[in-house]
N, C-alpha and C. Protein backbone atom coordinates (compact mmCIF):
# COMPACT_ATOMS: atom_id res chain seq x y z
N MET A 1 0.51 -1.23 -0.05
CA MET A 1 -0.04 -0.23 0.10
C MET A 1 0.61 1.41 -0.24
N LEU A 2 2.08 1.32 0.85
CA LEU A 2 2.87 2.36 0.79
C LEU A 2 3.45 2.95 -0.60
N GLU A 3 3.65 1.74 -1.53
CA GLU A 3 4.42 2.03 -2.89
C GLU A 3 3.15 2.67 -3.60
N LEU A 4 1.73 2.82 -3.33
CA LEU A 4 0.76 3.60 -4.00
C LEU A 4 0.56 4.91 -3.17
N LEU A 5 0.71 4.85 -2.05
CA LEU A 5 0.43 6.19 -1.16
C LEU A 5 1.47 6.95 -1.12
N ILE A 6 2.66 6.87 -0.80
CA ILE A 6 3.78 7.66 -1.03
C ILE A 6 3.83 8.45 -2.36
N PRO A 7 3.84 8.20 -3.52
CA PRO A 7 3.96 8.67 -4.89
C PRO A 7 2.52 9.58 -4.87
N SER A 8 1.60 9.05 -4.63
CA SER A 8 0.26 10.08 -4.66
C SER A 8 0.42 11.25 -3.68
N LEU A 9 0.77 10.94 -2.53
CA LEU A 9 0.92 11.93 -1.47
C LEU A 9 1.92 13.24 -1.88
N LEU A 10 3.23 12.61 -2.66
CA LEU A 10 4.04 13.87 -3.40
C LEU A 10 3.55 14.34 -4.17
N GLU A 11 2.63 13.72 -5.06
CA GLU A 11 1.90 14.55 -6.57
C GLU A 11 1.07 15.50 -5.80
N THR A 12 0.36 14.94 -4.79
CA THR A 12 -0.65 16.19 -3.95
C THR A 12 -0.02 17.21 -3.54
N LEU A 13 1.13 17.00 -2.92
CA LEU A 13 1.86 18.17 -2.10
C LEU A 13 2.63 19.04 -3.28
N TYR A 14 3.10 18.39 -4.28
CA TYR A 14 3.60 19.08 -5.59
C TYR A 14 2.39 19.79 -6.13
N MET A 15 1.32 19.26 -6.43
CA MET A 15 0.14 20.46 -7.21
C MET A 15 -0.24 21.38 -6.12
N VAL A 16 -0.22 21.02 -4.79
CA VAL A 16 -0.86 22.15 -3.85
C VAL A 16 0.04 23.16 -3.56
N PHE A 17 1.57 22.74 -3.56
CA PHE A 17 2.71 23.67 -3.72
C PHE A 17 2.52 24.71 -4.48
N PHE A 18 2.74 24.34 -5.63
CA PHE A 18 2.90 25.02 -6.76
C PHE A 18 1.60 26.13 -7.26
N SER A 19 0.36 25.33 -7.22
CA SER A 19 -0.78 26.20 -7.40
C SER A 19 -1.03 27.27 -6.17
N THR A 20 -0.34 27.03 -5.00
CA THR A 20 -0.43 28.07 -3.97
C THR A 20 0.06 29.14 -4.32
N ILE A 21 1.16 28.92 -4.91
CA ILE A 21 2.34 30.15 -5.27
C ILE A 21 1.82 30.83 -6.48
N PHE A 22 1.42 30.15 -7.37
CA PHE A 22 0.68 30.95 -8.62
C PHE A 22 -0.51 31.38 -8.31
N SER A 23 -1.34 30.83 -7.34
CA SER A 23 -2.52 31.61 -7.10
C SER A 23 -2.28 32.76 -6.52
N LEU A 24 -1.29 32.72 -5.46
CA LEU A 24 -1.00 34.04 -4.94
C LEU A 24 -0.52 35.03 -5.53
N ILE A 25 0.63 34.81 -6.80
CA ILE A 25 0.84 35.38 -7.72
C ILE A 25 -0.23 36.13 -8.38
N ILE A 26 -1.31 35.43 -8.66
CA ILE A 26 -2.43 36.25 -9.34
C ILE A 26 -3.39 36.85 -8.38
N GLY A 27 -3.55 36.36 -7.35
CA GLY A 27 -4.77 36.74 -6.41
C GLY A 27 -4.20 37.90 -5.68
N PHE A 28 -3.23 37.91 -5.18
CA PHE A 28 -2.68 38.96 -4.03
C PHE A 28 -2.81 40.38 -4.70
N PRO A 29 -2.40 40.70 -5.78
CA PRO A 29 -2.29 41.72 -6.52
C PRO A 29 -3.72 42.24 -6.65
N LEU A 30 -4.61 41.38 -7.21
CA LEU A 30 -6.17 41.42 -7.41
C LEU A 30 -6.59 42.03 -6.07
N GLY A 31 -6.61 41.11 -4.85
CA GLY A 31 -6.98 41.63 -3.57
C GLY A 31 -6.69 43.04 -2.99
N VAL A 32 -5.51 43.31 -3.35
CA VAL A 32 -4.79 44.71 -3.14
C VAL A 32 -5.57 45.96 -3.90
N LEU A 33 -5.61 45.57 -4.97
CA LEU A 33 -6.42 46.48 -5.95
C LEU A 33 -7.83 46.60 -5.59
N LEU A 34 -8.54 45.64 -5.13
CA LEU A 34 -9.89 45.84 -4.76
C LEU A 34 -10.08 46.62 -3.60
N VAL A 35 -9.15 46.57 -2.64
CA VAL A 35 -9.21 47.45 -1.60
C VAL A 35 -8.77 48.94 -1.67
N ILE A 36 -7.88 48.99 -2.49
CA ILE A 36 -7.41 50.45 -2.62
C ILE A 36 -8.27 51.32 -3.82
N THR A 37 -8.87 50.41 -4.60
CA THR A 37 -9.72 51.27 -5.66
C THR A 37 -11.26 51.49 -5.18
N GLU A 38 -11.48 50.82 -4.29
CA GLU A 38 -12.90 50.96 -3.79
C GLU A 38 -13.24 52.40 -3.30
N LYS A 39 -14.62 52.62 -3.40
CA LYS A 39 -14.91 53.87 -3.21
C LYS A 39 -14.59 54.55 -1.90
N GLY A 40 -13.79 55.60 -1.81
CA GLY A 40 -13.17 55.93 -0.22
C GLY A 40 -11.92 55.33 -0.14
N GLY A 41 -11.39 54.60 -0.92
CA GLY A 41 -9.86 53.89 -0.98
C GLY A 41 -9.02 55.03 -1.20
N ILE A 42 -7.62 54.57 -0.96
CA ILE A 42 -6.61 55.46 -1.02
C ILE A 42 -6.30 55.57 -2.66
N TRP A 43 -6.82 55.04 -3.38
CA TRP A 43 -6.27 55.11 -4.84
C TRP A 43 -7.78 54.89 -5.72
N GLU A 44 -8.79 55.75 -5.31
CA GLU A 44 -10.05 55.39 -5.57
C GLU A 44 -10.35 55.54 -7.01
N LYS A 45 -10.70 54.35 -7.69
CA LYS A 45 -11.17 53.88 -9.08
C LYS A 45 -12.51 53.31 -9.08
N PRO A 46 -13.66 53.56 -9.10
CA PRO A 46 -14.81 52.74 -8.91
C PRO A 46 -15.13 52.03 -10.11
N LEU A 47 -14.92 52.46 -11.19
CA LEU A 47 -15.19 51.59 -12.55
C LEU A 47 -14.04 50.32 -12.51
N LEU A 48 -12.72 50.64 -12.13
CA LEU A 48 -11.98 49.57 -12.41
C LEU A 48 -12.17 48.48 -11.17
N ASN A 49 -12.60 49.23 -9.82
CA ASN A 49 -13.34 48.19 -8.91
C ASN A 49 -14.26 47.13 -9.36
N GLN A 50 -15.23 47.79 -9.85
CA GLN A 50 -16.44 46.86 -10.26
C GLN A 50 -16.05 45.95 -11.20
N ILE A 51 -15.18 46.30 -12.01
CA ILE A 51 -14.79 45.28 -13.38
C ILE A 51 -14.19 44.27 -12.77
N LEU A 52 -13.19 44.53 -11.73
CA LEU A 52 -12.13 43.58 -11.11
C LEU A 52 -13.26 42.57 -10.33
N SER A 53 -14.19 43.35 -9.73
CA SER A 53 -14.84 42.67 -8.67
C SER A 53 -15.82 41.51 -9.62
N GLY A 54 -16.33 41.98 -10.53
CA GLY A 54 -17.14 41.27 -11.51
C GLY A 54 -16.42 39.86 -12.09
N ILE A 55 -15.30 40.31 -12.50
CA ILE A 55 -14.59 39.14 -12.92
C ILE A 55 -14.15 38.10 -12.17
N ILE A 56 -13.82 38.59 -10.79
CA ILE A 56 -13.78 37.46 -9.82
C ILE A 56 -15.07 36.74 -9.24
N ASN A 57 -15.97 37.62 -9.40
CA ASN A 57 -17.28 36.79 -8.90
C ASN A 57 -17.70 35.73 -9.98
N ILE A 58 -17.48 36.11 -11.17
CA ILE A 58 -17.86 35.17 -12.09
C ILE A 58 -17.01 33.67 -12.30
N LEU A 59 -15.68 34.10 -12.16
CA LEU A 59 -14.72 32.87 -11.80
C LEU A 59 -15.04 32.15 -10.67
N ARG A 60 -15.46 32.75 -9.73
CA ARG A 60 -15.64 32.09 -8.37
C ARG A 60 -16.87 31.01 -8.68
N SER A 61 -17.79 31.51 -9.49
CA SER A 61 -19.28 30.84 -9.96
C SER A 61 -18.70 29.60 -10.48
N PHE A 62 -17.93 29.40 -11.20
CA PHE A 62 -17.55 28.11 -11.66
C PHE A 62 -17.31 27.04 -10.70
N PRO A 63 -18.23 25.76 -10.66
CA PRO A 63 -17.69 24.64 -10.06
C PRO A 63 -16.09 24.33 -10.57
N PHE A 64 -15.19 23.89 -9.85
CA PHE A 64 -14.06 23.45 -9.92
C PHE A 64 -13.86 22.45 -11.31
N ILE A 65 -14.80 21.43 -11.12
CA ILE A 65 -14.53 20.35 -12.22
C ILE A 65 -14.80 21.05 -13.67
N ILE A 66 -15.89 22.01 -13.75
CA ILE A 66 -16.18 22.38 -14.81
C ILE A 66 -15.01 23.57 -15.38
N LEU A 67 -14.54 24.20 -14.61
CA LEU A 67 -13.69 25.12 -14.73
C LEU A 67 -12.42 24.16 -15.19
N MET A 68 -11.78 23.16 -14.57
CA MET A 68 -10.79 22.46 -14.94
C MET A 68 -10.90 21.93 -16.59
N ILE A 69 -12.35 21.50 -16.88
CA ILE A 69 -12.34 21.11 -18.42
C ILE A 69 -12.33 22.60 -19.09
N LEU A 70 -12.96 23.57 -18.74
CA LEU A 70 -12.82 24.72 -19.73
C LEU A 70 -11.40 25.09 -19.76
N VAL A 71 -10.50 25.00 -18.79
CA VAL A 71 -8.91 25.50 -19.00
C VAL A 71 -8.08 24.28 -19.64
N PHE A 72 -8.75 23.26 -20.03
CA PHE A 72 -7.76 22.35 -20.42
C PHE A 72 -7.15 22.83 -21.87
N PRO A 73 -7.56 23.46 -22.68
CA PRO A 73 -6.66 24.03 -23.55
C PRO A 73 -5.60 24.95 -23.53
N LEU A 74 -5.81 25.73 -22.18
CA LEU A 74 -4.79 26.63 -21.61
C LEU A 74 -3.68 25.70 -21.06
N SER A 75 -4.05 24.75 -20.44
CA SER A 75 -3.28 23.73 -19.72
C SER A 75 -2.23 23.18 -20.88
N ARG A 76 -3.15 22.67 -22.08
CA ARG A 76 -2.45 22.18 -23.17
C ARG A 76 -1.37 23.12 -23.83
N ILE A 77 -1.66 24.40 -23.78
CA ILE A 77 -0.70 25.46 -24.34
C ILE A 77 0.55 25.58 -23.52
N ILE A 78 0.35 25.78 -21.94
CA ILE A 78 1.46 25.88 -21.06
C ILE A 78 2.18 24.89 -20.80
N VAL A 79 1.80 23.47 -20.40
CA VAL A 79 2.37 22.53 -20.22
C VAL A 79 2.72 21.34 -21.25
N GLY A 80 1.94 21.64 -22.30
CA GLY A 80 1.61 20.56 -23.29
C GLY A 80 0.80 19.42 -23.23
N SER A 81 -0.05 19.31 -21.99
CA SER A 81 -0.80 18.08 -21.83
C SER A 81 -1.95 18.58 -20.83
N THR A 82 -3.05 17.88 -20.89
CA THR A 82 -4.27 18.38 -20.03
C THR A 82 -4.51 17.12 -19.11
N ILE A 83 -3.68 16.19 -19.01
CA ILE A 83 -3.58 15.30 -17.92
C ILE A 83 -2.53 14.93 -17.40
N GLY A 84 -2.62 14.77 -16.00
CA GLY A 84 -1.39 14.64 -15.01
C GLY A 84 -1.25 15.61 -14.27
N THR A 85 -0.40 15.55 -13.19
CA THR A 85 -0.03 16.35 -11.99
C THR A 85 0.27 17.94 -12.70
N THR A 86 1.00 17.89 -13.27
CA THR A 86 1.80 19.28 -13.79
C THR A 86 0.67 19.77 -14.39
N ALA A 87 -0.35 19.42 -15.12
CA ALA A 87 -1.41 19.87 -16.07
C ALA A 87 -2.33 20.35 -15.05
N THR A 88 -2.52 19.50 -13.84
CA THR A 88 -3.71 20.17 -13.10
C THR A 88 -3.45 21.29 -12.42
N ILE A 89 -2.03 21.73 -12.32
CA ILE A 89 -1.66 22.92 -11.46
C ILE A 89 -2.21 24.28 -12.21
N VAL A 90 -2.32 24.31 -13.39
CA VAL A 90 -3.02 25.40 -14.19
C VAL A 90 -4.59 25.63 -13.71
N PRO A 91 -5.31 24.65 -13.96
CA PRO A 91 -6.65 24.73 -13.32
C PRO A 91 -6.53 25.17 -12.12
N LEU A 92 -5.98 24.53 -10.95
CA LEU A 92 -5.95 24.83 -9.72
C LEU A 92 -5.48 26.08 -9.21
N SER A 93 -4.33 26.85 -9.86
CA SER A 93 -4.12 28.06 -9.75
C SER A 93 -5.34 28.87 -10.07
N ILE A 94 -6.09 28.84 -11.06
CA ILE A 94 -6.91 29.77 -11.86
C ILE A 94 -8.34 29.79 -10.91
N ALA A 95 -8.40 28.34 -10.48
CA ALA A 95 -9.39 28.47 -9.55
C ALA A 95 -9.47 28.90 -8.09
N ALA A 96 -8.20 28.90 -7.70
CA ALA A 96 -8.01 29.54 -6.34
C ALA A 96 -7.81 31.06 -6.46
N ALA A 97 -7.19 31.50 -7.59
CA ALA A 97 -7.00 32.81 -7.51
C ALA A 97 -8.05 33.82 -7.14
N PRO A 98 -9.14 33.62 -7.62
CA PRO A 98 -10.26 34.54 -7.22
C PRO A 98 -10.67 34.51 -5.82
N PHE A 99 -10.51 33.15 -5.20
CA PHE A 99 -10.66 32.94 -3.71
C PHE A 99 -9.49 33.67 -3.00
N VAL A 100 -8.25 33.71 -3.32
CA VAL A 100 -7.24 34.43 -2.88
C VAL A 100 -7.51 35.91 -2.79
N ALA A 101 -8.06 36.41 -3.88
CA ALA A 101 -8.38 37.97 -4.05
C ALA A 101 -9.41 38.29 -2.89
N ARG A 102 -10.44 37.42 -2.87
CA ARG A 102 -11.34 37.99 -1.72
C ARG A 102 -10.61 37.49 -0.34
N VAL A 103 -10.02 36.84 -0.14
CA VAL A 103 -9.33 36.63 1.08
C VAL A 103 -8.61 37.75 1.32
N ILE A 104 -7.71 38.17 0.71
CA ILE A 104 -6.70 39.23 0.77
C ILE A 104 -7.47 40.70 1.17
N GLU A 105 -8.73 40.62 0.09
CA GLU A 105 -9.47 41.95 0.53
C GLU A 105 -9.88 41.89 1.63
N ASN A 106 -10.50 40.72 2.32
CA ASN A 106 -11.25 40.83 3.51
C ASN A 106 -10.11 41.05 4.52
N ALA A 107 -8.91 40.37 4.40
CA ALA A 107 -8.03 40.54 5.38
C ALA A 107 -7.55 42.23 5.50
N LEU A 108 -7.26 42.83 4.34
CA LEU A 108 -6.77 44.00 4.37
C LEU A 108 -7.80 45.37 4.92
N LYS A 109 -8.97 44.74 4.82
CA LYS A 109 -10.11 45.60 5.20
C LYS A 109 -10.44 45.81 6.69
N GLU A 110 -9.67 44.77 7.20
CA GLU A 110 -9.82 44.78 8.58
C GLU A 110 -8.55 45.74 9.45
N VAL A 111 -7.48 46.30 8.47
CA VAL A 111 -6.88 47.25 9.23
C VAL A 111 -7.66 48.39 9.48
N ASP A 112 -7.13 48.96 10.76
CA ASP A 112 -7.65 50.33 11.12
C ASP A 112 -7.57 51.37 10.14
N ARG A 113 -8.98 51.84 9.76
CA ARG A 113 -8.75 52.92 8.91
C ARG A 113 -8.00 54.41 9.80
N GLY A 114 -7.77 54.44 10.92
CA GLY A 114 -7.01 55.45 11.45
C GLY A 114 -5.80 55.57 11.19
N VAL A 115 -5.01 54.22 11.14
CA VAL A 115 -3.92 54.31 10.96
C VAL A 115 -3.52 54.44 9.51
N ILE A 116 -4.37 54.22 8.57
CA ILE A 116 -4.01 54.59 7.07
C ILE A 116 -4.14 56.00 6.95
N GLU A 117 -5.20 56.78 7.56
CA GLU A 117 -5.41 58.29 7.68
C GLU A 117 -4.12 58.80 8.07
N ALA A 118 -3.80 58.42 9.42
CA ALA A 118 -2.33 59.07 9.80
C ALA A 118 -1.23 58.60 8.80
N SER A 119 -1.13 57.99 8.19
CA SER A 119 -0.14 57.73 6.89
C SER A 119 -0.35 58.65 6.06
N LEU A 120 -1.44 58.78 5.53
CA LEU A 120 -1.87 59.68 4.49
C LEU A 120 -1.66 61.14 4.91
N SER A 121 -2.01 61.47 6.36
CA SER A 121 -1.66 62.78 6.81
C SER A 121 -0.03 63.15 6.68
N MET A 122 0.62 62.09 6.67
CA MET A 122 2.17 62.11 6.86
C MET A 122 2.78 62.51 5.41
N GLY A 123 1.75 62.13 4.55
CA GLY A 123 2.49 62.12 3.05
C GLY A 123 2.94 60.65 2.39
N ALA A 124 2.19 59.95 3.15
CA ALA A 124 2.64 58.42 2.62
C ALA A 124 2.04 58.28 0.96
N THR A 125 2.79 57.55 0.35
CA THR A 125 2.10 57.46 -1.11
C THR A 125 1.46 56.05 -1.12
N VAL A 126 0.66 55.69 -1.99
CA VAL A 126 -0.14 54.63 -2.20
C VAL A 126 0.67 53.29 -2.08
N SER A 127 1.75 53.30 -2.64
CA SER A 127 2.75 52.01 -2.63
C SER A 127 3.34 51.92 -1.12
N GLN A 128 3.71 53.05 -0.37
CA GLN A 128 3.90 52.68 0.96
C GLN A 128 3.03 52.30 1.88
N ILE A 129 1.84 53.06 1.67
CA ILE A 129 0.76 52.58 2.55
C ILE A 129 0.39 50.91 2.34
N VAL A 130 0.50 50.55 1.33
CA VAL A 130 0.11 49.10 1.04
C VAL A 130 1.34 48.26 1.58
N PHE A 131 2.36 48.54 1.35
CA PHE A 131 3.65 47.69 1.66
C PHE A 131 4.07 47.88 3.39
N LYS A 132 3.99 49.04 3.88
CA LYS A 132 4.16 49.37 5.06
C LYS A 132 3.22 49.53 6.04
N VAL A 133 1.98 49.69 5.70
CA VAL A 133 0.88 49.74 6.26
C VAL A 133 -0.19 48.75 6.45
N LEU A 134 -0.62 48.48 5.22
CA LEU A 134 -1.82 47.31 5.20
C LEU A 134 -1.50 46.17 5.45
N ILE A 135 -0.34 45.55 4.59
CA ILE A 135 0.19 44.36 4.53
C ILE A 135 0.73 44.10 5.97
N PRO A 136 1.51 44.83 6.54
CA PRO A 136 2.21 44.33 7.89
C PRO A 136 1.00 44.45 8.98
N GLU A 137 0.16 45.34 8.87
CA GLU A 137 -1.27 45.32 9.84
C GLU A 137 -1.87 44.04 9.68
N ALA A 138 -2.11 43.62 8.53
CA ALA A 138 -2.98 42.64 8.30
C ALA A 138 -2.32 41.18 8.32
N MET A 139 -1.09 41.06 8.84
CA MET A 139 -0.39 39.90 8.38
C MET A 139 -1.17 38.65 9.20
N PRO A 140 -1.71 38.53 10.35
CA PRO A 140 -2.00 37.56 10.87
C PRO A 140 -3.35 37.00 10.00
N SER A 141 -4.12 38.16 9.78
CA SER A 141 -5.29 37.41 8.89
C SER A 141 -4.65 37.06 7.55
N LEU A 142 -3.93 37.80 6.85
CA LEU A 142 -3.32 37.02 5.66
C LEU A 142 -3.10 35.47 5.90
N VAL A 143 -2.01 35.32 6.99
CA VAL A 143 -1.61 34.33 7.18
C VAL A 143 -2.90 33.14 7.21
N MET A 144 -3.80 33.40 8.14
CA MET A 144 -4.93 32.66 8.11
C MET A 144 -5.62 32.27 6.88
N GLY A 145 -5.83 33.41 5.94
CA GLY A 145 -6.29 33.40 4.75
C GLY A 145 -5.70 32.49 3.73
N ILE A 146 -4.25 32.60 3.83
CA ILE A 146 -3.50 31.82 2.92
C ILE A 146 -3.73 30.23 3.39
N THR A 147 -3.63 29.91 4.64
CA THR A 147 -4.11 28.73 5.09
C THR A 147 -5.02 28.05 4.81
N LEU A 148 -5.93 28.82 4.77
CA LEU A 148 -7.56 28.58 4.04
C LEU A 148 -7.32 28.23 2.69
N THR A 149 -6.42 28.99 2.15
CA THR A 149 -6.48 28.80 0.34
C THR A 149 -5.68 27.28 0.22
N ILE A 150 -4.75 26.85 1.17
CA ILE A 150 -3.85 25.76 0.80
C ILE A 150 -4.79 24.61 1.18
N ILE A 151 -5.76 24.68 2.18
CA ILE A 151 -6.85 23.58 2.53
C ILE A 151 -7.88 23.23 1.50
N ASN A 152 -8.08 24.43 0.71
CA ASN A 152 -9.16 24.57 -0.17
C ASN A 152 -8.79 23.60 -1.52
N LEU A 153 -7.20 24.07 -1.63
CA LEU A 153 -6.41 23.46 -2.81
C LEU A 153 -6.26 21.96 -2.82
N ILE A 154 -6.20 21.43 -1.29
CA ILE A 154 -5.89 20.24 -1.10
C ILE A 154 -7.30 19.62 -1.68
N GLY A 155 -8.64 20.03 -1.29
CA GLY A 155 -9.77 19.59 -1.75
C GLY A 155 -9.99 19.48 -3.12
N TYR A 156 -9.51 20.78 -3.83
CA TYR A 156 -9.46 20.83 -5.03
C TYR A 156 -8.52 19.76 -5.97
N SER A 157 -7.33 19.38 -5.37
CA SER A 157 -6.70 18.49 -5.77
C SER A 157 -7.12 17.13 -5.86
N ALA A 158 -7.80 16.79 -4.56
CA ALA A 158 -8.46 15.44 -4.58
C ALA A 158 -9.76 15.37 -5.76
N MET A 159 -10.50 16.45 -5.94
CA MET A 159 -11.44 16.30 -7.13
C MET A 159 -10.99 16.21 -8.38
N ALA A 160 -9.44 16.70 -8.47
CA ALA A 160 -8.89 16.70 -9.86
C ALA A 160 -8.58 15.34 -10.40
N GLY A 161 -8.46 14.54 -9.23
CA GLY A 161 -8.47 13.13 -9.68
C GLY A 161 -9.48 12.31 -10.44
N ALA A 162 -10.59 12.75 -10.42
CA ALA A 162 -11.80 12.22 -11.09
C ALA A 162 -11.39 12.61 -12.59
N ILE A 163 -10.65 13.49 -12.85
CA ILE A 163 -10.30 13.54 -14.67
C ILE A 163 -8.95 13.40 -14.79
N GLY A 164 -8.17 12.60 -13.81
CA GLY A 164 -6.69 12.11 -14.32
C GLY A 164 -5.94 13.23 -14.00
N GLY A 165 -6.22 13.67 -12.77
CA GLY A 165 -5.52 15.02 -12.20
C GLY A 165 -4.32 14.21 -11.22
N GLY A 166 -4.08 13.16 -10.98
CA GLY A 166 -3.00 12.50 -10.18
C GLY A 166 -3.34 12.68 -8.68
N GLY A 167 -2.53 12.29 -7.72
CA GLY A 167 -2.43 12.65 -6.39
C GLY A 167 -3.37 11.50 -5.62
N LEU A 168 -3.78 12.06 -4.43
CA LEU A 168 -4.39 11.02 -3.52
C LEU A 168 -5.79 10.89 -4.11
N GLY A 169 -6.35 11.87 -4.59
CA GLY A 169 -7.72 11.80 -5.22
C GLY A 169 -8.01 10.73 -6.54
N ASP A 170 -6.82 10.90 -7.13
CA ASP A 170 -6.99 9.90 -8.27
C ASP A 170 -6.65 8.54 -7.91
N LEU A 171 -5.97 8.22 -6.65
CA LEU A 171 -5.50 6.81 -6.13
C LEU A 171 -6.96 6.33 -5.68
N ALA A 172 -7.51 7.25 -4.85
CA ALA A 172 -8.70 6.78 -4.03
C ALA A 172 -9.67 6.60 -5.27
N ILE A 173 -10.03 7.11 -6.25
CA ILE A 173 -10.74 6.83 -7.37
C ILE A 173 -10.71 5.67 -8.16
N ARG A 174 -9.33 5.57 -8.42
CA ARG A 174 -8.75 4.28 -9.38
C ARG A 174 -8.84 3.12 -8.47
N TYR A 175 -8.59 3.11 -7.51
CA TYR A 175 -8.21 1.85 -6.48
C TYR A 175 -9.59 1.72 -5.68
N GLY A 176 -9.82 2.62 -4.91
CA GLY A 176 -11.11 2.41 -4.03
C GLY A 176 -12.33 2.47 -4.72
N LEU A 177 -12.54 2.98 -5.52
CA LEU A 177 -13.79 3.00 -6.41
C LEU A 177 -13.87 1.95 -7.28
N TYR A 178 -13.08 1.85 -8.26
CA TYR A 178 -13.08 0.98 -9.65
C TYR A 178 -12.76 -0.12 -9.45
N ARG A 179 -11.68 -0.18 -8.42
CA ARG A 179 -11.25 -1.72 -8.05
C ARG A 179 -11.51 -2.22 -6.80
N PHE A 180 -12.45 -1.53 -6.24
CA PHE A 180 -13.19 -1.93 -4.83
C PHE A 180 -12.36 -2.26 -3.68
N LYS A 181 -11.02 -1.40 -3.58
CA LYS A 181 -9.90 -1.49 -2.60
C LYS A 181 -10.31 -0.59 -1.65
N THR A 182 -11.21 -0.75 -0.77
CA THR A 182 -11.41 0.15 0.23
C THR A 182 -10.64 0.50 1.29
N ASN A 183 -9.85 -0.24 1.45
CA ASN A 183 -8.59 0.20 2.36
C ASN A 183 -7.76 1.37 1.76
N ILE A 184 -7.56 1.13 0.53
CA ILE A 184 -6.72 2.29 -0.18
C ILE A 184 -7.42 3.62 -0.02
N MET A 185 -8.62 3.56 -0.23
CA MET A 185 -9.66 4.83 -0.17
C MET A 185 -9.76 5.34 1.20
N VAL A 186 -9.80 4.50 2.21
CA VAL A 186 -9.60 5.03 3.38
C VAL A 186 -8.47 5.35 3.87
N ALA A 187 -7.26 4.93 3.39
CA ALA A 187 -6.01 5.33 3.88
C ALA A 187 -5.78 6.75 3.21
N SER A 188 -6.13 6.85 2.00
CA SER A 188 -6.13 8.21 1.32
C SER A 188 -6.88 9.19 1.81
N VAL A 189 -8.17 9.06 2.20
CA VAL A 189 -8.77 9.93 3.28
C VAL A 189 -8.15 10.19 4.50
N ILE A 190 -7.81 9.53 5.20
CA ILE A 190 -7.07 9.53 6.26
C ILE A 190 -5.87 10.29 6.05
N ILE A 191 -4.99 10.38 5.18
CA ILE A 191 -3.88 11.25 4.72
C ILE A 191 -4.29 12.77 4.54
N ILE A 192 -5.17 12.80 3.76
CA ILE A 192 -5.69 14.09 3.38
C ILE A 192 -6.30 14.88 4.72
N ILE A 193 -6.66 14.20 5.69
CA ILE A 193 -7.44 14.80 6.78
C ILE A 193 -6.15 15.00 7.67
N ILE A 194 -5.28 14.24 7.76
CA ILE A 194 -4.13 14.62 8.36
C ILE A 194 -3.23 15.95 7.91
N LEU A 195 -3.32 15.93 6.56
CA LEU A 195 -2.87 17.16 5.94
C LEU A 195 -3.54 18.28 6.10
N VAL A 196 -4.80 18.42 6.06
CA VAL A 196 -5.62 19.56 6.50
C VAL A 196 -5.37 19.88 7.91
N GLN A 197 -5.41 19.00 8.88
CA GLN A 197 -5.27 19.26 10.30
C GLN A 197 -3.94 19.87 10.47
N GLY A 198 -2.85 19.19 10.19
CA GLY A 198 -1.44 20.05 10.19
C GLY A 198 -1.31 21.40 9.62
N ILE A 199 -1.82 21.63 8.31
CA ILE A 199 -1.69 22.95 7.55
C ILE A 199 -2.54 23.86 8.70
N GLN A 200 -3.76 23.36 9.10
CA GLN A 200 -4.63 24.42 9.96
C GLN A 200 -3.88 24.84 11.36
N PHE A 201 -3.26 23.56 11.78
CA PHE A 201 -2.30 23.81 13.03
C PHE A 201 -1.28 24.75 13.14
N LEU A 202 -0.55 24.60 11.79
CA LEU A 202 0.66 25.50 11.59
C LEU A 202 0.31 26.81 11.25
N GLY A 203 -0.81 26.94 10.41
CA GLY A 203 -1.27 28.38 10.00
C GLY A 203 -1.67 29.06 11.29
N ASN A 204 -2.53 28.24 12.38
CA ASN A 204 -2.82 29.34 13.61
C ASN A 204 -1.74 29.60 14.34
N LYS A 205 -0.63 28.61 14.54
CA LYS A 205 0.50 28.81 15.15
C LYS A 205 1.18 30.18 14.61
N ILE A 206 1.46 30.10 13.41
CA ILE A 206 1.91 31.22 12.84
C ILE A 206 1.47 32.56 13.09
N ALA A 207 0.01 32.39 12.86
CA ALA A 207 -0.78 33.89 12.66
C ALA A 207 -0.76 34.47 14.31
N ILE A 208 -0.59 33.43 15.51
CA ILE A 208 -0.64 33.74 16.78
C ILE A 208 0.87 34.39 16.99
N SER A 209 1.82 33.83 16.57
CA SER A 209 3.13 34.20 16.79
C SER A 209 3.36 35.57 16.24
N ILE A 210 2.87 36.22 15.09
CA ILE A 210 2.98 37.49 14.28
C ILE A 210 1.90 38.38 14.83
N ASP A 211 0.97 38.14 15.55
CA ASP A 211 -0.06 39.03 15.90
C ASP A 211 0.21 40.00 16.93
N LYS A 212 0.47 41.25 16.49
CA LYS A 212 1.14 42.25 17.28
C LYS A 212 -0.13 42.61 18.51
N LYS A 213 -1.16 42.17 18.28
CA LYS A 213 -2.33 42.49 19.49
C LYS A 213 -2.21 41.69 20.51
């Protein structure tokens, strides 16, 4: 059983790690833009804010399985395939990016408005407020948001196994469902639960350790 579980676990970790990185690269700037361009924001652009918000809402409306199928052509262009662990990173990243944007937006909105106004009164630029005020002040919430993103991606990666994505989800379906090897399915589920619990525990610890309050 270990000969099946260990490679599948490594595939899941590989998918989740890189899709987390890419979804943050896409979603983090979007989340920041949503905050600073809103009405009353430090770089007020209501039209841009509405367009970004609409695009994010549309992408979040797609069920992951459907989105993965729609992104097949893009996966083929980027990695040369639509099946496999590496190909799955593309739809995983695209599916998680809108979620990341909303998580970042909510975290940054928790920053005390008085701190932002004080920075503006001292002549701070938009970039200075973002990188020296908003992000540092919201860091505990950002850590918790990223933790939640990773947990969601573990769930997405398991679903990706239904259409040849690899990882623990693929193992559970191929052996547990199609070959009636319940022990392998149960073992896969237990490993996913342990992963989620471990990541949540680590995220909580980091958030508490950097919380200035």
